[in-house]
Amino acid sequence: MQSHPKIAKNGFLALTRIIYVFYKKKLNRKVVDLKEIQLFSVNI
């Protein structure tokens, strides 16, 4: 599956931003759910 490099890069940046937000929220509980991160990486 080929996609435009710029779109792929933007998608990656958006994904890392989403994961970062989740990570910051979960830091309050001192828990990071790796399964949630895996779900996002599957849904790119």
N, C-alpha and C. Protein backbone atom coordinates (compact mmCIF):
# COMPACT_ATOMS: atom_id res chain seq x y z
N MET A 1 0.84 -1.19 0.00
CA MET A 1 0.00 0.00 0.00
C MET A 1 0.88 1.24 0.00
N GLN A 2 0.82 2.01 -1.09
CA GLN A 2 1.66 3.19 -1.19
C GLN A 2 0.84 4.45 -0.95
N SER A 3 1.40 5.36 -0.18
CA SER A 3 0.73 6.63 0.07
C SER A 3 1.72 7.76 -0.13
N HIS A 4 1.20 8.95 -0.32
CA HIS A 4 2.04 10.12 -0.50
C HIS A 4 2.91 10.33 0.74
N PRO A 5 4.21 10.53 0.58
CA PRO A 5 5.11 10.66 1.75
C PRO A 5 4.67 11.75 2.72
N LYS A 6 4.20 12.87 2.18
CA LYS A 6 3.80 13.97 3.06
C LYS A 6 2.58 13.58 3.89
N ILE A 7 1.61 12.90 3.25
CA ILE A 7 0.42 12.44 3.97
C ILE A 7 0.82 11.41 5.03
N ALA A 8 1.73 10.51 4.66
CA ALA A 8 2.18 9.50 5.61
C ALA A 8 2.85 10.16 6.81
N LYS A 9 3.67 11.19 6.54
CA LYS A 9 4.35 11.89 7.63
C LYS A 9 3.35 12.59 8.53
N ASN A 10 2.37 13.27 7.93
CA ASN A 10 1.35 13.96 8.72
C ASN A 10 0.55 12.97 9.55
N GLY A 11 0.24 11.82 8.97
CA GLY A 11 -0.49 10.79 9.70
C GLY A 11 0.31 10.30 10.89
N PHE A 12 1.62 10.13 10.68
CA PHE A 12 2.49 9.68 11.77
C PHE A 12 2.54 10.71 12.88
N LEU A 13 2.66 11.99 12.52
CA LEU A 13 2.71 13.06 13.52
C LEU A 13 1.41 13.12 14.30
N ALA A 14 0.28 12.96 13.60
CA ALA A 14 -1.02 12.97 14.28
C ALA A 14 -1.11 11.79 15.24
N LEU A 15 -0.62 10.63 14.80
CA LEU A 15 -0.67 9.43 15.64
C LEU A 15 0.17 9.61 16.90
N THR A 16 1.38 10.14 16.74
CA THR A 16 2.24 10.33 17.91
C THR A 16 1.63 11.36 18.85
N ARG A 17 0.95 12.35 18.29
CA ARG A 17 0.30 13.36 19.13
C ARG A 17 -0.82 12.73 19.95
N ILE A 18 -1.62 11.85 19.30
CA ILE A 18 -2.71 11.15 19.99
C ILE A 18 -2.14 10.28 21.12
N ILE A 19 -1.10 9.53 20.80
CA ILE A 19 -0.49 8.66 21.81
C ILE A 19 0.08 9.48 22.95
N TYR A 20 0.69 10.63 22.63
CA TYR A 20 1.27 11.49 23.65
C TYR A 20 0.19 12.01 24.60
N VAL A 21 -0.95 12.40 24.04
CA VAL A 21 -2.06 12.89 24.87
C VAL A 21 -2.56 11.79 25.80
N PHE A 22 -2.74 10.59 25.23
CA PHE A 22 -3.17 9.45 26.06
C PHE A 22 -2.14 9.16 27.15
N TYR A 23 -0.87 9.21 26.77
CA TYR A 23 0.21 8.92 27.72
C TYR A 23 0.19 9.93 28.87
N LYS A 24 0.03 11.20 28.54
CA LYS A 24 -0.01 12.24 29.59
C LYS A 24 -1.20 12.03 30.52
N LYS A 25 -2.36 11.70 29.96
CA LYS A 25 -3.54 11.45 30.79
C LYS A 25 -3.30 10.26 31.71
N LYS A 26 -2.72 9.21 31.16
CA LYS A 26 -2.52 7.99 31.94
C LYS A 26 -1.39 8.13 32.96
N LEU A 27 -0.50 9.09 32.76
CA LEU A 27 0.56 9.32 33.75
C LEU A 27 -0.04 9.67 35.11
N ASN A 28 -1.20 10.32 35.10
CA ASN A 28 -1.86 10.67 36.36
C ASN A 28 -2.18 9.42 37.16
N ARG A 29 -2.49 8.34 36.45
CA ARG A 29 -2.79 7.06 37.10
C ARG A 29 -1.57 6.16 37.16
N LYS A 30 -0.45 6.64 36.59
CA LYS A 30 0.81 5.88 36.53
C LYS A 30 0.63 4.57 35.76
N VAL A 31 -0.28 4.57 34.79
CA VAL A 31 -0.52 3.37 34.00
C VAL A 31 -0.54 3.74 32.52
N VAL A 32 0.18 2.99 31.71
CA VAL A 32 0.13 3.18 30.26
C VAL A 32 -0.34 1.86 29.65
N ASP A 33 -1.48 1.91 28.97
CA ASP A 33 -2.06 0.70 28.39
C ASP A 33 -1.46 0.47 27.01
N LEU A 34 -0.54 -0.47 26.91
CA LEU A 34 0.11 -0.75 25.63
C LEU A 34 -0.88 -1.25 24.60
N LYS A 35 -1.94 -1.92 25.04
CA LYS A 35 -2.93 -2.44 24.09
C LYS A 35 -3.60 -1.29 23.35
N GLU A 36 -3.86 -0.18 24.03
CA GLU A 36 -4.47 0.97 23.36
C GLU A 36 -3.55 1.52 22.29
N ILE A 37 -2.25 1.59 22.60
CA ILE A 37 -1.28 2.09 21.62
C ILE A 37 -1.23 1.15 20.42
N GLN A 38 -1.27 -0.15 20.68
CA GLN A 38 -1.26 -1.13 19.59
C GLN A 38 -2.50 -0.97 18.71
N LEU A 39 -3.65 -0.70 19.33
CA LEU A 39 -4.87 -0.50 18.55
C LEU A 39 -4.71 0.67 17.59
N PHE A 40 -4.10 1.76 18.08
CA PHE A 40 -3.90 2.92 17.21
C PHE A 40 -2.94 2.60 16.07
N SER A 41 -1.87 1.84 16.36
CA SER A 41 -0.90 1.54 15.31
C SER A 41 -1.50 0.62 14.26
N VAL A 42 -2.50 -0.19 14.65
CA VAL A 42 -3.18 -1.05 13.67
C VAL A 42 -4.09 -0.21 12.78
N ASN A 43 -4.66 0.86 13.35
CA ASN A 43 -5.66 1.65 12.62
C ASN A 43 -5.08 2.83 11.85
N ILE A 44 -3.79 2.77 11.50
CA ILE A 44 -3.18 3.87 10.73
C ILE A 44 -3.84 3.98 9.36
